PDB file of N, CA and C in Angstrom:
ATOM      1  N   MET A   1    -287.268 -22.620   9.149  1.00  0.00           N
ATOM      2  CA  MET A   1    -288.229 -23.398   9.954  1.00  0.00           C
ATOM      3  C   MET A   1    -289.475 -23.701   9.138  1.00  0.00           C
ATOM      4  N   ILE A   2    -290.083 -24.816   9.381  1.00  0.00           N
ATOM      5  CA  ILE A   2    -291.290 -25.223   8.768  1.00  0.00           C
ATOM      6  C   ILE A   2    -292.317 -25.442   9.887  1.00  0.00           C
ATOM      7  N   LYS A   3    -293.503 -24.878   9.656  1.00  0.00           N
ATOM      8  CA  LYS A   3    -294.593 -24.979  10.636  1.00  0.00           C
ATOM      9  C   LYS A   3    -295.643 -25.954  10.109  1.00  0.00           C
ATOM     10  N   PHE A   4    -296.081 -26.809  11.006  1.00  0.00           N
ATOM     11  CA  PHE A   4    -297.181 -27.769  10.756  1.00  0.00           C
ATOM     12  C   PHE A   4    -298.355 -27.504  11.744  1.00  0.00           C
ATOM     13  N   GLN A   5    -299.586 -27.762  11.235  1.00  0.00           N
ATOM     14  CA  GLN A   5    -300.730 -27.683  12.147  1.00  0.00           C
ATOM     15  C   GLN A   5    -301.574 -28.936  11.919  1.00  0.00           C
ATOM     16  N   ILE A   6    -301.903 -29.542  13.017  1.00  0.00           N
ATOM     17  CA  ILE A   6    -302.810 -30.735  13.050  1.00  0.00           C
ATOM     18  C   ILE A   6    -304.014 -30.248  13.836  1.00  0.00           C
ATOM     19  N   ASN A   7    -305.142 -30.139  13.163  1.00  0.00           N
ATOM     20  CA  ASN A   7    -306.303 -29.511  13.833  1.00  0.00           C
ATOM     21  C   ASN A   7    -307.529 -30.468  13.945  1.00  0.00           C
ATOM     22  N   GLY A   8    -308.118 -30.383  15.118  1.00  0.00           N
ATOM     23  CA  GLY A   8    -309.371 -31.076  15.358  1.00  0.00           C
ATOM     24  C   GLY A   8    -309.324 -32.563  15.511  1.00  0.00           C
ATOM     25  N   MET A   9    -308.223 -33.102  16.068  1.00  0.00           N
ATOM     26  CA  MET A   9    -308.192 -34.537  16.332  1.00  0.00           C
ATOM     27  C   MET A   9    -309.304 -34.816  17.358  1.00  0.00           C
ATOM     28  N   LYS A  10    -310.248 -35.646  17.034  1.00  0.00           N
ATOM     29  CA  LYS A  10    -311.336 -36.044  18.017  1.00  0.00           C
ATOM     30  C   LYS A  10    -311.018 -37.374  18.580  1.00  0.00           C
ATOM     31  N   ILE A  11    -310.958 -37.409  19.900  1.00  0.00           N
ATOM     32  CA  ILE A  11    -310.603 -38.707  20.569  1.00  0.00           C
ATOM     33  C   ILE A  11    -311.551 -38.851  21.748  1.00  0.00           C
ATOM     34  N   TYR A  12    -312.065 -40.037  21.914  1.00  0.00           N
ATOM     35  CA  TYR A  12    -312.921 -40.365  23.072  1.00  0.00           C
ATOM     36  C   TYR A  12    -312.098 -40.808  24.241  1.00  0.00           C
ATOM     37  N   GLY A  13    -312.247 -40.106  25.373  1.00  0.00           N
ATOM     38  CA  GLY A  13    -311.371 -40.374  26.519  1.00  0.00           C
ATOM     39  C   GLY A  13    -312.159 -40.387  27.799  1.00  0.00           C
ATOM     40  N   PHE A  14    -311.518 -40.878  28.885  1.00  0.00           N
ATOM     41  CA  PHE A  14    -312.146 -41.000  30.168  1.00  0.00           C
ATOM     42  C   PHE A  14    -311.385 -40.204  31.200  1.00  0.00           C
ATOM     43  N   HIS A  15    -311.343 -38.878  30.962  1.00  0.00           N
ATOM     44  CA  HIS A  15    -310.591 -37.925  31.729  1.00  0.00           C
ATOM     45  C   HIS A  15    -311.502 -36.950  32.463  1.00  0.00           C
ATOM     46  N   GLY A  16    -311.089 -36.565  33.664  1.00  0.00           N
ATOM     47  CA  GLY A  16    -311.830 -35.555  34.355  1.00  0.00           C
ATOM     48  C   GLY A  16    -311.726 -35.858  35.850  1.00  0.00           C
ATOM     49  N   VAL A  17    -312.150 -34.870  36.627  1.00  0.00           N
ATOM     50  CA  VAL A  17    -312.162 -34.978  38.052  1.00  0.00           C
ATOM     51  C   VAL A  17    -313.373 -35.767  38.542  1.00  0.00           C
ATOM     52  N   LEU A  18    -314.484 -35.575  37.881  1.00  0.00           N
ATOM     53  CA  LEU A  18    -315.729 -36.250  38.286  1.00  0.00           C
ATOM     54  C   LEU A  18    -315.721 -37.744  37.902  1.00  0.00           C
ATOM     55  N   GLU A  19    -316.305 -38.543  38.815  1.00  0.00           N
ATOM     56  CA  GLU A  19    -316.298 -39.956  38.555  1.00  0.00           C
ATOM     57  C   GLU A  19    -317.043 -40.333  37.272  1.00  0.00           C
ATOM     58  N   GLU A  20    -318.127 -39.658  37.035  1.00  0.00           N
ATOM     59  CA  GLU A  20    -318.937 -39.942  35.784  1.00  0.00           C
ATOM     60  C   GLU A  20    -318.114 -39.698  34.553  1.00  0.00           C
ATOM     61  N   GLU A  21    -317.258 -38.664  34.551  1.00  0.00           N
ATOM     62  CA  GLU A  21    -316.422 -38.403  33.414  1.00  0.00           C
ATOM     63  C   GLU A  21    -315.447 -39.551  33.158  1.00  0.00           C
ATOM     64  N   ARG A  22    -314.930 -40.103  34.239  1.00  0.00           N
ATOM     65  CA  ARG A  22    -313.894 -41.173  34.164  1.00  0.00           C
ATOM     66  C   ARG A  22    -314.584 -42.531  33.829  1.00  0.00           C
ATOM     67  N   GLU A  23    -315.849 -42.661  34.099  1.00  0.00           N
ATOM     68  CA  GLU A  23    -316.595 -43.880  33.798  1.00  0.00           C
ATOM     69  C   GLU A  23    -317.280 -43.880  32.390  1.00  0.00           C
ATOM     70  N   ILE A  24    -317.989 -42.816  32.158  1.00  0.00           N
ATOM     71  CA  ILE A  24    -318.804 -42.708  30.904  1.00  0.00           C
ATOM     72  C   ILE A  24    -317.903 -42.257  29.778  1.00  0.00           C
ATOM     73  N   GLY A  25    -317.046 -41.268  30.024  1.00  0.00           N
ATOM     74  CA  GLY A  25    -316.188 -40.717  29.000  1.00  0.00           C
ATOM     75  C   GLY A  25    -316.809 -39.666  28.165  1.00  0.00           C
ATOM     76  N   GLN A  26    -316.073 -39.067  27.271  1.00  0.00           N
ATOM     77  CA  GLN A  26    -316.570 -37.977  26.421  1.00  0.00           C
ATOM     78  C   GLN A  26    -315.557 -37.705  25.315  1.00  0.00           C
ATOM     79  N   PHE A  27    -315.964 -36.966  24.308  1.00  0.00           N
ATOM     80  CA  PHE A  27    -315.072 -36.578  23.243  1.00  0.00           C
ATOM     81  C   PHE A  27    -314.268 -35.370  23.668  1.00  0.00           C
ATOM     82  N   PHE A  28    -312.987 -35.400  23.246  1.00  0.00           N
ATOM     83  CA  PHE A  28    -312.048 -34.290  23.401  1.00  0.00           C
ATOM     84  C   PHE A  28    -311.542 -33.917  21.978  1.00  0.00           C
ATOM     85  N   SER A  29    -311.073 -32.746  21.871  1.00  0.00           N
ATOM     86  CA  SER A  29    -310.465 -32.311  20.573  1.00  0.00           C
ATOM     87  C   SER A  29    -309.034 -31.835  20.870  1.00  0.00           C
ATOM     88  N   ILE A  30    -308.044 -32.151  20.034  1.00  0.00           N
ATOM     89  CA  ILE A  30    -306.678 -31.770  20.236  1.00  0.00           C
ATOM     90  C   ILE A  30    -306.158 -31.159  18.936  1.00  0.00           C
ATOM     91  N   ASP A  31    -305.496 -30.035  19.118  1.00  0.00           N
ATOM     92  CA  ASP A  31    -304.807 -29.279  18.008  1.00  0.00           C
ATOM     93  C   ASP A  31    -303.305 -29.361  18.400  1.00  0.00           C
ATOM     94  N   ILE A  32    -302.485 -29.641  17.379  1.00  0.00           N
ATOM     95  CA  ILE A  32    -301.057 -29.636  17.636  1.00  0.00           C
ATOM     96  C   ILE A  32    -300.420 -28.768  16.538  1.00  0.00           C
ATOM     97  N   GLU A  33    -299.640 -27.746  16.978  1.00  0.00           N
ATOM     98  CA  GLU A  33    -298.932 -26.897  16.086  1.00  0.00           C
ATOM     99  C   GLU A  33    -297.465 -27.033  16.385  1.00  0.00           C
ATOM    100  N   TYR A  34    -296.601 -27.325  15.443  1.00  0.00           N
ATOM    101  CA  TYR A  34    -295.180 -27.476  15.747  1.00  0.00           C
ATOM    102  C   TYR A  34    -294.299 -26.974  14.583  1.00  0.00           C
ATOM    103  N   THR A  35    -293.078 -26.623  14.978  1.00  0.00           N
ATOM    104  CA  THR A  35    -292.112 -26.165  13.960  1.00  0.00           C
ATOM    105  C   THR A  35    -290.917 -27.153  13.978  1.00  0.00           C
ATOM    106  N   ILE A  36    -290.380 -27.360  12.770  1.00  0.00           N
ATOM    107  CA  ILE A  36    -289.192 -28.172  12.633  1.00  0.00           C
ATOM    108  C   ILE A  36    -288.210 -27.422  11.735  1.00  0.00           C
ATOM    109  N   ARG A  37    -286.980 -27.854  11.847  1.00  0.00           N
ATOM    110  CA  ARG A  37    -285.908 -27.297  11.004  1.00  0.00           C
ATOM    111  C   ARG A  37    -286.125 -27.805   9.600  1.00  0.00           C
ATOM    112  N   ASN A  38    -285.667 -27.094   8.627  1.00  0.00           N
ATOM    113  CA  ASN A  38    -285.755 -27.482   7.238  1.00  0.00           C
ATOM    114  C   ASN A  38    -284.610 -28.471   6.907  1.00  0.00           C
ATOM    115  N   GLU A  39    -284.595 -29.595   7.611  1.00  0.00           N
ATOM    116  CA  GLU A  39    -283.580 -30.639   7.476  1.00  0.00           C
ATOM    117  C   GLU A  39    -284.230 -31.987   7.352  1.00  0.00           C
ATOM    118  N   LYS A  40    -283.784 -32.749   6.403  1.00  0.00           N
ATOM    119  CA  LYS A  40    -284.269 -34.114   6.205  1.00  0.00           C
ATOM    120  C   LYS A  40    -283.503 -35.073   7.088  1.00  0.00           C
ATOM    121  N   PRO A  41    -284.094 -36.096   7.604  1.00  0.00           N
ATOM    122  CA  PRO A  41    -285.453 -36.505   7.406  1.00  0.00           C
ATOM    123  C   PRO A  41    -286.371 -35.763   8.263  1.00  0.00           C
ATOM    124  N   TYR A  42    -287.523 -35.407   7.683  1.00  0.00           N
ATOM    125  CA  TYR A  42    -288.570 -34.656   8.393  1.00  0.00           C
ATOM    126  C   TYR A  42    -289.354 -35.651   9.282  1.00  0.00           C
ATOM    127  N   PRO A  43    -289.817 -35.240  10.454  1.00  0.00           N
ATOM    128  CA  PRO A  43    -290.682 -36.089  11.266  1.00  0.00           C
ATOM    129  C   PRO A  43    -292.010 -36.366  10.471  1.00  0.00           C
ATOM    130  N   ASP A  44    -292.529 -37.559  10.581  1.00  0.00           N
ATOM    131  CA  ASP A  44    -293.722 -37.939   9.961  1.00  0.00           C
ATOM    132  C   ASP A  44    -294.916 -37.497  10.735  1.00  0.00           C
ATOM    133  N   TYR A  45    -295.795 -36.625  10.156  1.00  0.00           N
ATOM    134  CA  TYR A  45    -296.903 -36.098  10.949  1.00  0.00           C
ATOM    135  C   TYR A  45    -297.892 -37.206  11.308  1.00  0.00           C
ATOM    136  N   THR A  46    -297.996 -38.306  10.553  1.00  0.00           N
ATOM    137  CA  THR A  46    -298.855 -39.375  10.939  1.00  0.00           C
ATOM    138  C   THR A  46    -298.342 -40.060  12.209  1.00  0.00           C
ATOM    139  N   GLY A  47    -297.016 -40.133  12.360  1.00  0.00           N
ATOM    140  CA  GLY A  47    -296.444 -40.642  13.602  1.00  0.00           C
ATOM    141  C   GLY A  47    -296.671 -39.733  14.781  1.00  0.00           C
ATOM    142  N   ILE A  48    -296.724 -38.453  14.543  1.00  0.00           N
ATOM    143  CA  ILE A  48    -297.002 -37.495  15.598  1.00  0.00           C
ATOM    144  C   ILE A  48    -298.438 -37.651  16.065  1.00  0.00           C
ATOM    145  N   VAL A  49    -299.380 -37.766  15.065  1.00  0.00           N
ATOM    146  CA  VAL A  49    -300.774 -37.987  15.380  1.00  0.00           C
ATOM    147  C   VAL A  49    -300.954 -39.273  16.230  1.00  0.00           C
ATOM    148  N   GLN A  50    -300.343 -40.334  15.755  1.00  0.00           N
ATOM    149  CA  GLN A  50    -300.438 -41.646  16.393  1.00  0.00           C
ATOM    150  C   GLN A  50    -299.894 -41.526  17.835  1.00  0.00           C
ATOM    151  N   ARG A  51    -298.741 -40.933  18.005  1.00  0.00           N
ATOM    152  CA  ARG A  51    -298.163 -40.864  19.351  1.00  0.00           C
ATOM    153  C   ARG A  51    -299.040 -40.016  20.322  1.00  0.00           C
ATOM    154  N   ALA A  52    -299.525 -38.850  19.821  1.00  0.00           N
ATOM    155  CA  ALA A  52    -300.399 -38.066  20.625  1.00  0.00           C
ATOM    156  C   ALA A  52    -301.646 -38.827  21.074  1.00  0.00           C
ATOM    157  N   SER A  53    -302.181 -39.600  20.156  1.00  0.00           N
ATOM    158  CA  SER A  53    -303.353 -40.424  20.484  1.00  0.00           C
ATOM    159  C   SER A  53    -303.011 -41.448  21.551  1.00  0.00           C
ATOM    160  N   GLU A  54    -301.844 -42.068  21.458  1.00  0.00           N
ATOM    161  CA  GLU A  54    -301.403 -43.101  22.427  1.00  0.00           C
ATOM    162  C   GLU A  54    -301.256 -42.469  23.836  1.00  0.00           C
ATOM    163  N   VAL A  55    -300.618 -41.247  23.859  1.00  0.00           N
ATOM    164  CA  VAL A  55    -300.422 -40.601  25.146  1.00  0.00           C
ATOM    165  C   VAL A  55    -301.737 -40.251  25.744  1.00  0.00           C
ATOM    166  N   PHE A  56    -302.666 -39.754  24.893  1.00  0.00           N
ATOM    167  CA  PHE A  56    -303.986 -39.407  25.406  1.00  0.00           C
ATOM    168  C   PHE A  56    -304.758 -40.575  26.004  1.00  0.00           C
ATOM    169  N   LEU A  57    -304.594 -41.725  25.420  1.00  0.00           N
ATOM    170  CA  LEU A  57    -305.386 -42.913  25.887  1.00  0.00           C
ATOM    171  C   LEU A  57    -304.651 -43.719  26.941  1.00  0.00           C
ATOM    172  N   GLU A  58    -303.334 -43.398  27.203  1.00  0.00           N
ATOM    173  CA  GLU A  58    -302.494 -44.179  28.118  1.00  0.00           C
ATOM    174  C   GLU A  58    -303.053 -44.233  29.544  1.00  0.00           C
ATOM    175  N   PHE A  59    -303.561 -43.079  30.032  1.00  0.00           N
ATOM    176  CA  PHE A  59    -304.002 -42.916  31.411  1.00  0.00           C
ATOM    177  C   PHE A  59    -305.323 -42.234  31.493  1.00  0.00           C
ATOM    178  N   LYS A  60    -305.937 -42.269  32.663  1.00  0.00           N
ATOM    179  CA  LYS A  60    -307.140 -41.474  32.966  1.00  0.00           C
ATOM    180  C   LYS A  60    -306.619 -40.235  33.666  1.00  0.00           C
ATOM    181  N   TYR A  61    -306.521 -39.128  33.014  1.00  0.00           N
ATOM    182  CA  TYR A  61    -306.026 -37.925  33.613  1.00  0.00           C
ATOM    183  C   TYR A  61    -307.148 -37.165  34.298  1.00  0.00           C
ATOM    184  N   ASN A  62    -306.852 -36.455  35.367  1.00  0.00           N
ATOM    185  CA  ASN A  62    -307.809 -35.679  36.077  1.00  0.00           C
ATOM    186  C   ASN A  62    -308.014 -34.300  35.395  1.00  0.00           C
ATOM    187  N   TYR A  63    -306.924 -33.722  34.933  1.00  0.00           N
ATOM    188  CA  TYR A  63    -306.937 -32.352  34.445  1.00  0.00           C
ATOM    189  C   TYR A  63    -306.477 -32.176  33.019  1.00  0.00           C
ATOM    190  N   LEU A  64    -307.088 -31.258  32.261  1.00  0.00           N
ATOM    191  CA  LEU A  64    -306.674 -30.980  30.938  1.00  0.00           C
ATOM    192  C   LEU A  64    -305.227 -30.581  30.931  1.00  0.00           C
ATOM    193  N   GLU A  65    -304.705 -29.906  31.923  1.00  0.00           N
ATOM    194  CA  GLU A  65    -303.313 -29.468  31.990  1.00  0.00           C
ATOM    195  C   GLU A  65    -302.366 -30.693  31.931  1.00  0.00           C
ATOM    196  N   GLU A  66    -302.763 -31.761  32.634  1.00  0.00           N
ATOM    197  CA  GLU A  66    -301.947 -32.982  32.680  1.00  0.00           C
ATOM    198  C   GLU A  66    -301.848 -33.627  31.252  1.00  0.00           C
ATOM    199  N   ILE A  67    -303.004 -33.735  30.601  1.00  0.00           N
ATOM    200  CA  ILE A  67    -302.993 -34.349  29.283  1.00  0.00           C
ATOM    201  C   ILE A  67    -302.188 -33.514  28.344  1.00  0.00           C
ATOM    202  N   THR A  68    -302.436 -32.214  28.304  1.00  0.00           N
ATOM    203  CA  THR A  68    -301.810 -31.275  27.393  1.00  0.00           C
ATOM    204  C   THR A  68    -300.302 -31.256  27.585  1.00  0.00           C
ATOM    205  N   GLU A  69    -299.843 -31.168  28.808  1.00  0.00           N
ATOM    206  CA  GLU A  69    -298.406 -31.101  29.096  1.00  0.00           C
ATOM    207  C   GLU A  69    -297.694 -32.416  28.768  1.00  0.00           C
ATOM    208  N   THR A  70    -298.374 -33.545  29.015  1.00  0.00           N
ATOM    209  CA  THR A  70    -297.760 -34.814  28.752  1.00  0.00           C
ATOM    210  C   THR A  70    -297.602 -35.015  27.229  1.00  0.00           C
ATOM    211  N   ILE A  71    -298.614 -34.605  26.448  1.00  0.00           N
ATOM    212  CA  ILE A  71    -298.475 -34.695  25.006  1.00  0.00           C
ATOM    213  C   ILE A  71    -297.366 -33.813  24.536  1.00  0.00           C
ATOM    214  N   CYS A  72    -297.307 -32.588  25.015  1.00  0.00           N
ATOM    215  CA  CYS A  72    -296.178 -31.684  24.646  1.00  0.00           C
ATOM    216  C   CYS A  72    -294.806 -32.311  24.938  1.00  0.00           C
ATOM    217  N   ASN A  73    -294.647 -32.795  26.081  1.00  0.00           N
ATOM    218  CA  ASN A  73    -293.317 -33.299  26.557  1.00  0.00           C
ATOM    219  C   ASN A  73    -292.940 -34.519  25.709  1.00  0.00           C
ATOM    220  N   LYS A  74    -293.820 -35.422  25.512  1.00  0.00           N
ATOM    221  CA  LYS A  74    -293.529 -36.659  24.762  1.00  0.00           C
ATOM    222  C   LYS A  74    -293.207 -36.328  23.304  1.00  0.00           C
ATOM    223  N   LEU A  75    -294.020 -35.502  22.653  1.00  0.00           N
ATOM    224  CA  LEU A  75    -293.726 -35.178  21.262  1.00  0.00           C
ATOM    225  C   LEU A  75    -292.403 -34.392  21.086  1.00  0.00           C
ATOM    226  N   LEU A  76    -292.189 -33.463  22.034  1.00  0.00           N
ATOM    227  CA  LEU A  76    -290.948 -32.691  21.939  1.00  0.00           C
ATOM    228  C   LEU A  76    -289.718 -33.541  22.121  1.00  0.00           C
ATOM    229  N   SER A  77    -289.808 -34.563  22.985  1.00  0.00           N
ATOM    230  CA  SER A  77    -288.615 -35.385  23.239  1.00  0.00           C
ATOM    231  C   SER A  77    -288.430 -36.477  22.285  1.00  0.00           C
ATOM    232  N   GLU A  78    -289.529 -36.968  21.692  1.00  0.00           N
ATOM    233  CA  GLU A  78    -289.463 -38.144  20.830  1.00  0.00           C
ATOM    234  C   GLU A  78    -289.348 -37.834  19.294  1.00  0.00           C
ATOM    235  N   PHE A  79    -289.583 -36.604  18.898  1.00  0.00           N
ATOM    236  CA  PHE A  79    -289.518 -36.186  17.493  1.00  0.00           C
ATOM    237  C   PHE A  79    -288.584 -35.029  17.302  1.00  0.00           C
ATOM    238  N   LYS A  80    -288.099 -34.794  16.117  1.00  0.00           N
ATOM    239  CA  LYS A  80    -287.212 -33.692  15.819  1.00  0.00           C
ATOM    240  C   LYS A  80    -288.071 -32.430  15.658  1.00  0.00           C
ATOM    241  N   ILE A  81    -288.594 -31.982  16.803  1.00  0.00           N
ATOM    242  CA  ILE A  81    -289.457 -30.779  16.819  1.00  0.00           C
ATOM    243  C   ILE A  81    -288.766 -29.693  17.575  1.00  0.00           C
ATOM    244  N   GLU A  82    -288.798 -28.462  17.106  1.00  0.00           N
ATOM    245  CA  GLU A  82    -288.151 -27.341  17.804  1.00  0.00           C
ATOM    246  C   GLU A  82    -289.058 -26.652  18.773  1.00  0.00           C
ATOM    247  N   ASN A  83    -290.326 -26.412  18.377  1.00  0.00           N
ATOM    248  CA  ASN A  83    -291.313 -25.783  19.227  1.00  0.00           C
ATOM    249  C   ASN A  83    -292.641 -26.477  19.006  1.00  0.00           C
ATOM    250  N   ILE A  84    -293.456 -26.511  20.092  1.00  0.00           N
ATOM    251  CA  ILE A  84    -294.767 -27.154  19.946  1.00  0.00           C
ATOM    252  C   ILE A  84    -295.812 -26.351  20.802  1.00  0.00           C
ATOM    253  N   LYS A  85    -296.986 -26.406  20.275  1.00  0.00           N
ATOM    254  CA  LYS A  85    -298.118 -25.820  20.964  1.00  0.00           C
ATOM    255  C   LYS A  85    -299.314 -26.816  20.859  1.00  0.00           C
ATOM    256  N   VAL A  86    -299.782 -27.286  22.006  1.00  0.00           N
ATOM    257  CA  VAL A  86    -300.875 -28.240  22.025  1.00  0.00           C
ATOM    258  C   VAL A  86    -302.027 -27.586  22.696  1.00  0.00           C
ATOM    259  N   THR A  87    -303.226 -27.749  22.051  1.00  0.00           N
ATOM    260  CA  THR A  87    -304.451 -27.282  22.661  1.00  0.00           C
ATOM    261  C   THR A  87    -305.383 -28.473  22.836  1.00  0.00           C
ATOM    262  N   THR A  88    -305.809 -28.730  24.039  1.00  0.00           N
ATOM    263  CA  THR A  88    -306.741 -29.799  24.348  1.00  0.00           C
ATOM    264  C   THR A  88    -308.085 -29.204  24.811  1.00  0.00           C
ATOM    265  N   ARG A  89    -309.149 -29.603  24.155  1.00  0.00           N
ATOM    266  CA  ARG A  89    -310.443 -29.088  24.460  1.00  0.00           C
ATOM    267  C   ARG A  89    -311.367 -30.264  25.033  1.00  0.00           C
ATOM    268  N   LYS A  90    -312.060 -29.903  26.107  1.00  0.00           N
ATOM    269  CA  LYS A  90    -313.135 -30.771  26.563  1.00  0.00           C
ATOM    270  C   LYS A  90    -314.402 -30.234  25.959  1.00  0.00           C
ATOM    271  N   LEU A  91    -315.002 -30.995  25.062  1.00  0.00           N
ATOM    272  CA  LEU A  91    -316.108 -30.547  24.215  1.00  0.00           C
ATOM    273  C   LEU A  91    -317.417 -30.380  24.926  1.00  0.00           C
ATOM    274  N   HIS A  92    -317.637 -31.213  25.928  1.00  0.00           N
ATOM    275  CA  HIS A  92    -318.895 -31.164  26.686  1.00  0.00           C
ATOM    276  C   HIS A  92    -318.628 -31.267  28.181  1.00  0.00           C
ATOM    277  N   PRO A  93    -318.064 -30.213  28.730  1.00  0.00           N
ATOM    278  CA  PRO A  93    -317.792 -30.216  30.172  1.00  0.00           C
ATOM    279  C   PRO A  93    -319.045 -30.311  31.009  1.00  0.00           C
ATOM    280  N   PRO A  94    -319.015 -30.979  32.133  1.00  0.00           N
ATOM    281  CA  PRO A  94    -320.178 -31.059  32.975  1.00  0.00           C
ATOM    282  C   PRO A  94    -320.446 -29.810  33.789  1.00  0.00           C
ATOM    283  N   ILE A  95    -320.783 -28.784  33.051  1.00  0.00           N
ATOM    284  CA  ILE A  95    -321.085 -27.473  33.714  1.00  0.00           C
ATOM    285  C   ILE A  95    -322.458 -27.082  33.281  1.00  0.00           C
ATOM    286  N   ASN A  96    -323.190 -26.478  34.206  1.00  0.00           N
ATOM    287  CA  ASN A  96    -324.639 -26.126  33.888  1.00  0.00           C
ATOM    288  C   ASN A  96    -324.688 -24.740  33.257  1.00  0.00           C
ATOM    289  N   VAL A  97    -323.881 -24.550  32.238  1.00  0.00           N
ATOM    290  CA  VAL A  97    -323.841 -23.329  31.477  1.00  0.00           C
ATOM    291  C   VAL A  97    -323.601 -23.694  30.058  1.00  0.00           C
ATOM    292  N   SER A  98    -324.228 -22.990  29.135  1.00  0.00           N
ATOM    293  CA  SER A  98    -323.962 -23.265  27.725  1.00  0.00           C
ATOM    294  C   SER A  98    -322.664 -22.639  27.218  1.00  0.00           C
ATOM    295  N   LEU A  99    -321.759 -23.519  26.777  1.00  0.00           N
ATOM    296  CA  LEU A  99    -320.471 -23.033  26.223  1.00  0.00           C
ATOM    297  C   LEU A  99    -319.989 -23.981  25.144  1.00  0.00           C
ATOM    298  N   ASP A 100    -319.102 -23.511  24.385  1.00  0.00           N
ATOM    299  CA  ASP A 100    -318.579 -24.357  23.256  1.00  0.00           C
ATOM    300  C   ASP A 100    -317.602 -25.419  23.786  1.00  0.00           C
ATOM    301  N   ASN A 101    -316.702 -25.076  24.607  1.00  0.00           N
ATOM    302  CA  ASN A 101    -315.714 -25.980  25.162  1.00  0.00           C
ATOM    303  C   ASN A 101    -314.878 -25.348  26.231  1.00  0.00           C
ATOM    304  N   ILE A 102    -314.069 -26.116  26.916  1.00  0.00           N
ATOM    305  CA  ILE A 102    -313.072 -25.665  27.854  1.00  0.00           C
ATOM    306  C   ILE A 102    -311.743 -26.110  27.238  1.00  0.00           C
ATOM    307  N   SER A 103    -310.741 -25.238  27.183  1.00  0.00           N
ATOM    308  CA  SER A 103    -309.504 -25.660  26.592  1.00  0.00           C
ATOM    309  C   SER A 103    -308.287 -25.281  27.416  1.00  0.00           C
ATOM    310  N   CYS A 104    -307.223 -26.011  27.251  1.00  0.00           N
ATOM    311  CA  CYS A 104    -305.957 -25.749  27.819  1.00  0.00           C
ATOM    312  C   CYS A 104    -304.898 -25.675  26.702  1.00  0.00           C
ATOM    313  N   ILE A 105    -304.054 -24.657  26.763  1.00  0.00           N
ATOM    314  CA  ILE A 105    -303.060 -24.461  25.677  1.00  0.00           C
ATOM    315  C   ILE A 105    -301.682 -24.387  26.396  1.00  0.00           C
ATOM    316  N   ILE A 106    -300.770 -25.232  25.905  1.00  0.00           N
ATOM    317  CA  ILE A 106    -299.399 -25.238  26.445  1.00  0.00           C
ATOM    318  C   ILE A 106    -298.434 -25.111  25.284  1.00  0.00           C
ATOM    319  N   GLU A 107    -297.477 -24.231  25.377  1.00  0.00           N
ATOM    320  CA  GLU A 107    -296.432 -24.075  24.361  1.00  0.00           C
ATOM    321  C   GLU A 107    -295.080 -24.332  24.995  1.00  0.00           C
ATOM    322  N   LYS A 108    -294.245 -25.056  24.280  1.00  0.00           N
ATOM    323  CA  LYS A 108    -292.880 -25.361  24.746  1.00  0.00           C
ATOM    324  C   LYS A 108    -291.918 -25.352  23.581  1.00  0.00           C
ATOM    325  N   GLY A 109    -290.640 -25.200  23.910  1.00  0.00           N
ATOM    326  CA  GLY A 109    -289.605 -25.229  22.888  1.00  0.00           C
ATOM    327  C   GLY A 109    -288.371 -25.873  23.458  1.00  0.00           C
ATOM    328  N   LYS A 110    -287.453 -26.175  22.591  1.00  0.00           N
ATOM    329  CA  LYS A 110    -286.092 -26.696  23.033  1.00  0.00           C
ATOM    330  C   LYS A 110    -285.191 -25.538  23.321  1.00  0.00           C
TER     331      LYS A 110
END
């Protein structure tokens, strides 16, 4: 098995439960960790980044869980990936508390 990590993809999106989040938008960060078999042809990680970005921008999701699970499912079904772990972070959540981010982590395998 070969493991890949794609860390810190920053994407501007219009996701969240609050109307202002869906109108104004904010930056999110996505990490993708996946394993593949040591068999050629290998999946192209630039294609994986591109597809994850497309899925992220396709809809206005209410919840981090929805974004994260959709990215997991699409990448797992469309690429020769054995296992995947996706972390989606809301970098500036509308909470009146100082924190670094809110994140959702989902792991799946075939």
